[in-house]
């Protein structure tokens, strides 16, 4: 980027910041004054609507304010669980949050009813990924006449 582009971007950010300070609206600010857009804070409404429509009868409708309320609640819930899981991974000097961190977060935050079904789901998911990976590896290696892969023969 050139200096003029950097300057223009800086000016735009300052103007937005000044407008927000003048309006007194801090609803879009988090983490030390960084401005977040609504689409950065909330899950996409179309995904939430798809899930909400499942139990609703074919001719039923969902009010706009109900959709927006659920969008906010779901987004906040995910942030709540995620921040607890992130704290655990940081405490263990890891940069990646894994499924086990999320399970511990659910437990720590009092959502014990979710821990067992999510543990089962996570275990099945990992097994599924493992078998998918094995299928991928087997498909990429040539096979011998006896059906064993050439890769296995090289390991012996």
N, C-alpha and C. Protein backbone atom coordinates (compact mmCIF):
# COMPACT_ATOMS: atom_id res chain seq x y z
N UNK A 1 0.83 -1.18 0.00
CA UNK A 1 0.00 0.00 0.00
C UNK A 1 0.87 1.25 0.00
N UNK A 2 0.43 2.25 -0.70
CA UNK A 2 1.18 3.51 -0.74
C UNK A 2 0.84 4.33 0.50
N UNK A 3 1.63 5.37 0.70
CA UNK A 3 1.41 6.25 1.85
C UNK A 3 0.07 6.94 1.78
N UNK A 4 -0.35 7.33 0.56
CA UNK A 4 -1.64 8.02 0.44
C UNK A 4 -2.80 7.08 0.78
N UNK A 5 -2.69 5.80 0.40
CA UNK A 5 -3.74 4.83 0.75
C UNK A 5 -3.78 4.58 2.25
N UNK A 6 -2.59 4.50 2.86
CA UNK A 6 -2.52 4.34 4.32
C UNK A 6 -3.15 5.52 5.02
N UNK A 7 -2.85 6.71 4.52
CA UNK A 7 -3.40 7.93 5.13
C UNK A 7 -4.92 7.97 5.00
N UNK A 8 -5.41 7.60 3.82
CA UNK A 8 -6.85 7.61 3.59
C UNK A 8 -7.54 6.61 4.51
N UNK A 9 -6.96 5.41 4.65
CA UNK A 9 -7.55 4.40 5.54
C UNK A 9 -7.56 4.91 6.98
N UNK A 10 -6.46 5.52 7.41
CA UNK A 10 -6.38 6.06 8.76
C UNK A 10 -7.45 7.13 8.99
N UNK A 11 -7.61 8.03 8.02
CA UNK A 11 -8.61 9.08 8.14
C UNK A 11 -10.02 8.49 8.22
N UNK A 12 -10.30 7.49 7.39
CA UNK A 12 -11.62 6.85 7.43
C UNK A 12 -11.90 6.23 8.79
N UNK A 13 -10.89 5.56 9.34
CA UNK A 13 -11.06 4.95 10.66
C UNK A 13 -11.28 6.00 11.74
N UNK A 14 -10.56 7.10 11.66
CA UNK A 14 -10.71 8.16 12.64
C UNK A 14 -12.10 8.80 12.54
N UNK A 15 -12.60 9.00 11.32
CA UNK A 15 -13.92 9.59 11.14
C UNK A 15 -14.99 8.69 11.74
N UNK A 16 -14.87 7.39 11.50
CA UNK A 16 -15.85 6.45 12.05
C UNK A 16 -15.79 6.48 13.57
N UNK A 17 -14.58 6.52 14.12
CA UNK A 17 -14.41 6.54 15.57
C UNK A 17 -15.00 7.82 16.16
N UNK A 18 -14.75 8.96 15.52
CA UNK A 18 -15.29 10.23 16.00
C UNK A 18 -16.81 10.24 15.95
N UNK A 19 -17.40 9.70 14.89
CA UNK A 19 -18.85 9.65 14.77
C UNK A 19 -19.45 8.80 15.89
N UNK A 20 -18.81 7.67 16.19
CA UNK A 20 -19.32 6.81 17.25
C UNK A 20 -19.20 7.47 18.62
N UNK A 21 -18.09 8.17 18.84
CA UNK A 21 -17.93 8.85 20.12
C UNK A 21 -18.95 9.96 20.28
N UNK A 22 -19.23 10.65 19.18
CA UNK A 22 -20.21 11.74 19.23
C UNK A 22 -21.61 11.22 19.49
N UNK A 23 -21.92 10.05 18.94
CA UNK A 23 -23.26 9.50 19.13
C UNK A 23 -23.40 8.82 20.49
N UNK A 24 -22.27 8.50 21.11
CA UNK A 24 -22.32 7.85 22.42
C UNK A 24 -22.72 6.39 22.32
N UNK A 25 -22.71 5.82 21.13
CA UNK A 25 -23.11 4.42 20.93
C UNK A 25 -21.88 3.53 20.99
N UNK A 26 -21.76 2.74 22.05
CA UNK A 26 -20.64 1.82 22.20
C UNK A 26 -21.06 0.39 21.93
N UNK A 27 -22.23 0.17 21.34
CA UNK A 27 -22.74 -1.19 21.17
C UNK A 27 -21.91 -2.00 20.18
N UNK A 28 -21.21 -1.35 19.25
CA UNK A 28 -20.42 -2.08 18.28
C UNK A 28 -18.96 -2.24 18.70
N UNK A 29 -18.61 -1.75 19.87
CA UNK A 29 -17.22 -1.80 20.29
C UNK A 29 -17.00 -2.92 21.29
N UNK A 30 -15.88 -3.61 21.08
CA UNK A 30 -15.45 -4.66 22.00
C UNK A 30 -13.93 -4.65 21.99
N UNK A 31 -13.33 -5.30 22.95
CA UNK A 31 -11.89 -5.52 23.00
C UNK A 31 -11.09 -4.23 22.80
N UNK A 32 -11.21 -3.32 23.72
CA UNK A 32 -10.37 -2.13 23.71
C UNK A 32 -10.75 -1.10 22.66
N UNK A 33 -12.01 -1.00 22.31
CA UNK A 33 -12.44 0.04 21.40
C UNK A 33 -12.38 -0.32 19.94
N UNK A 34 -12.06 -1.56 19.59
CA UNK A 34 -12.05 -1.97 18.19
C UNK A 34 -13.48 -2.09 17.71
N UNK A 35 -13.78 -1.49 16.58
CA UNK A 35 -15.15 -1.50 16.09
C UNK A 35 -15.42 -2.79 15.33
N UNK A 36 -16.50 -3.46 15.70
CA UNK A 36 -16.91 -4.68 15.03
C UNK A 36 -18.23 -4.43 14.32
N UNK A 37 -18.32 -4.90 13.08
CA UNK A 37 -19.57 -4.79 12.36
C UNK A 37 -20.54 -5.85 12.87
N UNK A 38 -21.82 -5.64 12.63
CA UNK A 38 -22.83 -6.59 13.11
C UNK A 38 -22.58 -7.97 12.55
N UNK A 39 -22.19 -8.09 11.27
CA UNK A 39 -21.96 -9.40 10.69
C UNK A 39 -20.73 -10.08 11.28
N UNK A 40 -19.85 -9.31 11.94
CA UNK A 40 -18.70 -9.91 12.61
C UNK A 40 -19.05 -10.41 14.01
N UNK A 41 -20.10 -9.85 14.59
CA UNK A 41 -20.49 -10.23 15.95
C UNK A 41 -21.47 -11.38 15.99
N UNK A 42 -22.32 -11.50 14.97
CA UNK A 42 -23.40 -12.47 14.99
C UNK A 42 -23.23 -13.53 13.92
N UNK A 43 -23.80 -14.69 14.20
CA UNK A 43 -23.85 -15.75 13.19
C UNK A 43 -24.75 -15.30 12.05
N UNK A 44 -24.53 -15.82 10.86
CA UNK A 44 -25.39 -15.43 9.73
C UNK A 44 -26.85 -15.79 9.99
N UNK A 45 -27.73 -14.85 9.76
CA UNK A 45 -29.15 -15.03 10.06
C UNK A 45 -29.76 -16.14 9.21
N UNK A 46 -29.27 -16.32 7.96
CA UNK A 46 -29.85 -17.37 7.11
C UNK A 46 -29.62 -18.76 7.70
N UNK A 47 -28.47 -18.99 8.33
CA UNK A 47 -28.21 -20.28 8.97
C UNK A 47 -29.13 -20.50 10.16
N UNK A 48 -29.36 -19.45 10.92
CA UNK A 48 -30.23 -19.55 12.09
C UNK A 48 -31.67 -19.78 11.66
N UNK A 49 -32.10 -19.12 10.61
CA UNK A 49 -33.47 -19.30 10.12
C UNK A 49 -33.69 -20.73 9.66
N UNK A 50 -32.70 -21.32 8.98
CA UNK A 50 -32.83 -22.72 8.53
C UNK A 50 -33.07 -23.64 9.72
N UNK A 51 -32.34 -23.43 10.78
CA UNK A 51 -32.49 -24.27 11.98
C UNK A 51 -33.83 -24.00 12.65
N UNK A 52 -34.22 -22.74 12.72
CA UNK A 52 -35.49 -22.39 13.37
C UNK A 52 -36.70 -22.94 12.63
N UNK A 53 -36.60 -23.07 11.31
CA UNK A 53 -37.74 -23.53 10.51
C UNK A 53 -38.03 -25.01 10.67
N UNK A 54 -37.09 -25.79 11.18
CA UNK A 54 -37.28 -27.24 11.28
C UNK A 54 -38.54 -27.61 12.08
N UNK A 55 -38.73 -27.10 13.29
CA UNK A 55 -39.93 -27.50 14.04
C UNK A 55 -41.21 -26.73 13.68
N UNK A 56 -41.08 -25.68 12.87
CA UNK A 56 -42.23 -24.85 12.54
C UNK A 56 -43.03 -25.52 11.42
N UNK A 57 -44.35 -25.54 11.52
CA UNK A 57 -45.17 -26.12 10.45
C UNK A 57 -44.91 -25.43 9.10
N UNK A 58 -45.24 -26.13 8.01
CA UNK A 58 -44.99 -25.63 6.66
C UNK A 58 -45.55 -24.23 6.43
N UNK A 59 -46.75 -23.98 6.93
CA UNK A 59 -47.37 -22.66 6.71
C UNK A 59 -47.09 -21.68 7.84
N UNK A 60 -46.26 -22.07 8.82
CA UNK A 60 -45.92 -21.19 9.94
C UNK A 60 -44.87 -20.17 9.56
N UNK A 61 -44.83 -19.09 10.30
CA UNK A 61 -43.87 -18.02 10.05
C UNK A 61 -43.14 -17.67 11.34
N UNK A 62 -41.98 -17.09 11.19
CA UNK A 62 -41.18 -16.66 12.33
C UNK A 62 -41.00 -15.15 12.21
N UNK A 63 -41.38 -14.44 13.25
CA UNK A 63 -41.30 -12.97 13.23
C UNK A 63 -39.85 -12.51 13.15
N UNK A 64 -39.65 -11.37 12.52
CA UNK A 64 -38.30 -10.82 12.34
C UNK A 64 -37.61 -10.57 13.69
N UNK A 65 -38.35 -10.02 14.66
CA UNK A 65 -37.74 -9.75 15.96
C UNK A 65 -37.36 -11.04 16.68
N UNK A 66 -38.13 -12.12 16.46
CA UNK A 66 -37.79 -13.42 17.06
C UNK A 66 -36.51 -13.97 16.43
N UNK A 67 -36.38 -13.84 15.12
CA UNK A 67 -35.17 -14.31 14.43
C UNK A 67 -33.95 -13.56 14.94
N UNK A 68 -34.08 -12.24 15.04
CA UNK A 68 -32.95 -11.41 15.50
C UNK A 68 -32.59 -11.69 16.95
N UNK A 69 -33.61 -11.93 17.78
CA UNK A 69 -33.37 -12.25 19.19
C UNK A 69 -32.60 -13.57 19.32
N UNK A 70 -33.04 -14.58 18.57
CA UNK A 70 -32.34 -15.88 18.61
C UNK A 70 -30.93 -15.74 18.05
N UNK A 71 -30.77 -14.94 17.01
CA UNK A 71 -29.44 -14.72 16.44
C UNK A 71 -28.50 -14.15 17.50
N UNK A 72 -28.97 -13.17 18.24
CA UNK A 72 -28.16 -12.56 19.28
C UNK A 72 -27.84 -13.56 20.40
N UNK A 73 -28.86 -14.29 20.83
CA UNK A 73 -28.68 -15.25 21.92
C UNK A 73 -27.71 -16.37 21.55
N UNK A 74 -27.88 -16.92 20.36
CA UNK A 74 -27.01 -18.01 19.92
C UNK A 74 -25.57 -17.51 19.78
N UNK A 75 -25.41 -16.35 19.22
CA UNK A 75 -24.06 -15.79 19.05
C UNK A 75 -23.40 -15.54 20.40
N UNK A 76 -24.16 -15.02 21.33
CA UNK A 76 -23.62 -14.77 22.67
C UNK A 76 -23.26 -16.08 23.37
N UNK A 77 -24.11 -17.09 23.23
CA UNK A 77 -23.85 -18.40 23.84
C UNK A 77 -22.55 -18.99 23.30
N UNK A 78 -22.37 -18.93 21.98
CA UNK A 78 -21.16 -19.48 21.37
C UNK A 78 -19.93 -18.71 21.85
N UNK A 79 -20.04 -17.40 21.95
CA UNK A 79 -18.92 -16.59 22.46
C UNK A 79 -18.59 -16.95 23.90
N UNK A 80 -19.62 -17.17 24.68
CA UNK A 80 -19.47 -17.53 26.10
C UNK A 80 -18.70 -18.85 26.24
N UNK A 81 -19.13 -19.87 25.52
CA UNK A 81 -18.47 -21.17 25.57
C UNK A 81 -17.06 -21.08 25.00
N UNK A 82 -16.92 -20.39 23.87
CA UNK A 82 -15.62 -20.29 23.21
C UNK A 82 -14.59 -19.58 24.08
N UNK A 83 -15.00 -18.51 24.74
CA UNK A 83 -14.03 -17.78 25.57
C UNK A 83 -13.53 -18.64 26.72
N UNK A 84 -14.40 -19.46 27.28
CA UNK A 84 -13.98 -20.38 28.35
C UNK A 84 -13.01 -21.42 27.80
N UNK A 85 -13.29 -21.95 26.61
CA UNK A 85 -12.41 -22.94 25.99
C UNK A 85 -11.06 -22.33 25.63
N UNK A 86 -11.08 -21.09 25.16
CA UNK A 86 -9.84 -20.40 24.81
C UNK A 86 -8.98 -20.18 26.05
N UNK A 87 -9.62 -19.81 27.16
CA UNK A 87 -8.87 -19.63 28.41
C UNK A 87 -8.15 -20.91 28.80
N UNK A 88 -8.81 -22.05 28.62
CA UNK A 88 -8.19 -23.34 28.96
C UNK A 88 -6.99 -23.62 28.06
N UNK A 89 -7.14 -23.39 26.77
CA UNK A 89 -6.03 -23.67 25.86
C UNK A 89 -4.85 -22.73 26.12
N UNK A 90 -5.14 -21.48 26.43
CA UNK A 90 -4.08 -20.53 26.75
C UNK A 90 -3.37 -20.93 28.05
N UNK A 91 -4.14 -21.38 29.03
CA UNK A 91 -3.55 -21.81 30.30
C UNK A 91 -2.62 -23.00 30.11
N UNK A 92 -2.90 -23.80 29.09
CA UNK A 92 -2.04 -24.96 28.79
C UNK A 92 -1.02 -24.65 27.70
N UNK A 93 -0.82 -23.37 27.42
CA UNK A 93 0.15 -22.89 26.43
C UNK A 93 -0.07 -23.49 25.05
N UNK A 94 -1.31 -23.59 24.64
CA UNK A 94 -1.65 -24.07 23.30
C UNK A 94 -2.33 -22.95 22.54
N UNK A 95 -2.14 -22.95 21.22
CA UNK A 95 -2.76 -21.92 20.39
C UNK A 95 -4.04 -22.42 19.74
N UNK A 96 -4.29 -23.71 19.80
CA UNK A 96 -5.45 -24.28 19.14
C UNK A 96 -6.46 -24.78 20.18
N UNK A 97 -7.70 -24.41 19.98
CA UNK A 97 -8.78 -24.90 20.83
C UNK A 97 -9.30 -26.19 20.20
N UNK A 98 -9.44 -27.23 21.00
CA UNK A 98 -9.94 -28.50 20.45
C UNK A 98 -11.27 -28.87 21.10
N UNK A 99 -11.83 -29.98 20.66
CA UNK A 99 -13.13 -30.42 21.17
C UNK A 99 -13.13 -30.67 22.66
N UNK A 100 -12.03 -31.18 23.17
CA UNK A 100 -11.95 -31.44 24.62
C UNK A 100 -12.02 -30.15 25.43
N UNK A 101 -11.42 -29.09 24.90
CA UNK A 101 -11.51 -27.78 25.56
C UNK A 101 -12.96 -27.32 25.64
N UNK A 102 -13.70 -27.53 24.57
CA UNK A 102 -15.12 -27.15 24.56
C UNK A 102 -15.92 -27.97 25.56
N UNK A 103 -15.63 -29.27 25.66
CA UNK A 103 -16.35 -30.11 26.63
C UNK A 103 -16.08 -29.65 28.06
N UNK A 104 -14.83 -29.32 28.36
CA UNK A 104 -14.50 -28.83 29.69
C UNK A 104 -15.19 -27.49 29.94
N UNK A 105 -15.26 -26.65 28.92
CA UNK A 105 -15.93 -25.35 29.06
C UNK A 105 -17.41 -25.55 29.37
N UNK A 106 -18.07 -26.47 28.66
CA UNK A 106 -19.48 -26.75 28.94
C UNK A 106 -19.64 -27.19 30.40
N UNK A 107 -18.76 -28.05 30.85
CA UNK A 107 -18.84 -28.55 32.22
C UNK A 107 -18.59 -27.44 33.23
N UNK A 108 -17.55 -26.65 33.02
CA UNK A 108 -17.21 -25.56 33.94
C UNK A 108 -18.31 -24.51 34.06
N UNK A 109 -19.03 -24.30 32.96
CA UNK A 109 -20.06 -23.27 32.94
C UNK A 109 -21.43 -23.79 33.37
N UNK A 110 -21.47 -25.04 33.77
CA UNK A 110 -22.72 -25.58 34.31
C UNK A 110 -23.64 -26.22 33.29
N UNK A 111 -23.16 -26.47 32.09
CA UNK A 111 -23.98 -27.13 31.07
C UNK A 111 -23.67 -28.63 31.04
N UNK A 112 -23.75 -29.24 32.21
CA UNK A 112 -23.38 -30.65 32.35
C UNK A 112 -24.26 -31.58 31.51
N UNK A 113 -25.50 -31.22 31.26
CA UNK A 113 -26.38 -32.07 30.46
C UNK A 113 -25.89 -32.23 29.02
N UNK A 114 -25.08 -31.30 28.56
CA UNK A 114 -24.59 -31.36 27.18
C UNK A 114 -23.30 -32.15 27.05
N UNK A 115 -22.57 -32.33 28.15
CA UNK A 115 -21.24 -32.91 28.07
C UNK A 115 -21.26 -34.33 27.53
N UNK A 116 -22.12 -35.19 28.07
CA UNK A 116 -22.13 -36.59 27.62
C UNK A 116 -22.52 -36.74 26.16
N UNK A 117 -23.64 -36.14 25.70
CA UNK A 117 -23.96 -36.30 24.28
C UNK A 117 -22.90 -35.69 23.35
N UNK A 118 -22.31 -34.58 23.75
CA UNK A 118 -21.27 -33.98 22.92
C UNK A 118 -19.99 -34.83 22.92
N UNK A 119 -19.70 -35.50 24.03
CA UNK A 119 -18.53 -36.39 24.08
C UNK A 119 -18.72 -37.55 23.12
N UNK A 120 -19.93 -38.10 23.11
CA UNK A 120 -20.23 -39.21 22.20
C UNK A 120 -20.11 -38.74 20.75
N UNK A 121 -20.68 -37.58 20.47
CA UNK A 121 -20.61 -37.03 19.12
C UNK A 121 -19.16 -36.80 18.71
N UNK A 122 -18.36 -36.22 19.59
CA UNK A 122 -16.96 -35.93 19.29
C UNK A 122 -16.19 -37.23 19.02
N UNK A 123 -16.45 -38.25 19.81
CA UNK A 123 -15.79 -39.54 19.61
C UNK A 123 -16.16 -40.13 18.24
N UNK A 124 -17.44 -40.11 17.89
CA UNK A 124 -17.88 -40.63 16.59
C UNK A 124 -17.30 -39.80 15.45
N UNK A 125 -17.25 -38.50 15.64
CA UNK A 125 -16.69 -37.62 14.62
C UNK A 125 -15.22 -37.95 14.38
N UNK A 126 -14.47 -38.14 15.45
CA UNK A 126 -13.05 -38.46 15.31
C UNK A 126 -12.85 -39.81 14.64
N UNK A 127 -13.68 -40.79 14.99
CA UNK A 127 -13.59 -42.10 14.36
C UNK A 127 -13.91 -41.99 12.87
N UNK A 128 -14.91 -41.21 12.53
CA UNK A 128 -15.30 -41.01 11.14
C UNK A 128 -14.17 -40.36 10.34
N UNK A 129 -13.56 -39.35 10.92
CA UNK A 129 -12.45 -38.68 10.25
C UNK A 129 -11.27 -39.62 10.06
N UNK A 130 -11.03 -40.45 11.06
CA UNK A 130 -9.93 -41.40 10.99
C UNK A 130 -10.16 -42.39 9.84
N UNK A 131 -11.38 -42.91 9.72
CA UNK A 131 -11.67 -43.87 8.65
C UNK A 131 -11.66 -43.17 7.30
N UNK A 132 -12.12 -41.92 7.22
CA UNK A 132 -12.07 -41.17 5.97
C UNK A 132 -10.62 -40.95 5.54
N UNK A 133 -9.76 -40.65 6.50
CA UNK A 133 -8.35 -40.44 6.21
C UNK A 133 -7.72 -41.72 5.68
N UNK A 134 -8.07 -42.85 6.31
CA UNK A 134 -7.53 -44.13 5.87
C UNK A 134 -7.99 -44.46 4.46
N UNK A 135 -9.26 -44.19 4.15
CA UNK A 135 -9.76 -44.43 2.80
C UNK A 135 -9.01 -43.57 1.78
N UNK A 136 -8.76 -42.32 2.14
CA UNK A 136 -8.04 -41.42 1.26
C UNK A 136 -6.63 -41.93 1.01
N UNK A 137 -5.95 -42.35 2.08
CA UNK A 137 -4.58 -42.85 1.93
C UNK A 137 -4.55 -44.12 1.08
N UNK A 138 -5.50 -45.03 1.32
CA UNK A 138 -5.54 -46.27 0.55
C UNK A 138 -5.81 -46.00 -0.92
N UNK A 139 -6.62 -45.03 -1.22
CA UNK A 139 -6.96 -44.71 -2.62
C UNK A 139 -5.77 -44.09 -3.34
N UNK A 140 -4.88 -43.43 -2.61
CA UNK A 140 -3.75 -42.76 -3.24
C UNK A 140 -2.53 -43.64 -3.44
N UNK A 141 -2.47 -44.79 -2.78
CA UNK A 141 -1.33 -45.68 -2.93
C UNK A 141 -1.71 -46.83 -3.85
N UNK A 142 -0.80 -47.22 -4.76
CA UNK A 142 -1.09 -48.36 -5.64
C UNK A 142 -1.15 -49.66 -4.84
N UNK A 143 -1.97 -50.60 -5.30
CA UNK A 143 -2.14 -51.87 -4.61
C UNK A 143 -1.39 -52.98 -5.33
N UNK A 144 -0.88 -53.94 -4.56
CA UNK A 144 -0.22 -55.12 -5.11
C UNK A 144 -1.27 -56.12 -5.56
N UNK A 145 -0.84 -57.20 -6.21
CA UNK A 145 -1.76 -58.21 -6.70
C UNK A 145 -2.51 -58.91 -5.57
N UNK A 146 -1.90 -59.02 -4.39
CA UNK A 146 -2.55 -59.71 -3.27
C UNK A 146 -3.54 -58.80 -2.53
N UNK A 147 -3.69 -57.55 -2.97
CA UNK A 147 -4.65 -56.64 -2.35
C UNK A 147 -4.02 -55.71 -1.33
N UNK A 148 -2.79 -55.98 -0.90
CA UNK A 148 -2.15 -55.08 0.06
C UNK A 148 -1.60 -53.87 -0.69
N UNK A 149 -1.49 -52.77 0.01
CA UNK A 149 -0.99 -51.57 -0.65
C UNK A 149 0.52 -51.62 -0.76
N UNK A 150 1.04 -50.97 -1.76
CA UNK A 150 2.48 -50.93 -1.96
C UNK A 150 3.15 -50.22 -0.80
N UNK A 151 2.43 -49.33 -0.15
CA UNK A 151 2.96 -48.60 1.00
C UNK A 151 3.22 -49.54 2.17
N UNK A 152 2.33 -50.52 2.39
CA UNK A 152 2.49 -51.48 3.48
C UNK A 152 3.71 -52.35 3.24
N UNK A 153 3.94 -52.73 2.00
CA UNK A 153 5.08 -53.58 1.67
C UNK A 153 6.38 -52.86 1.95
N UNK A 154 6.40 -51.55 1.73
CA UNK A 154 7.61 -50.78 1.97
C UNK A 154 7.92 -50.64 3.45
N UNK A 155 6.91 -50.77 4.32
CA UNK A 155 7.11 -50.62 5.77
C UNK A 155 7.71 -51.88 6.37
N UNK A 156 7.55 -53.03 5.71
CA UNK A 156 8.01 -54.30 6.29
C UNK A 156 9.47 -54.54 6.11
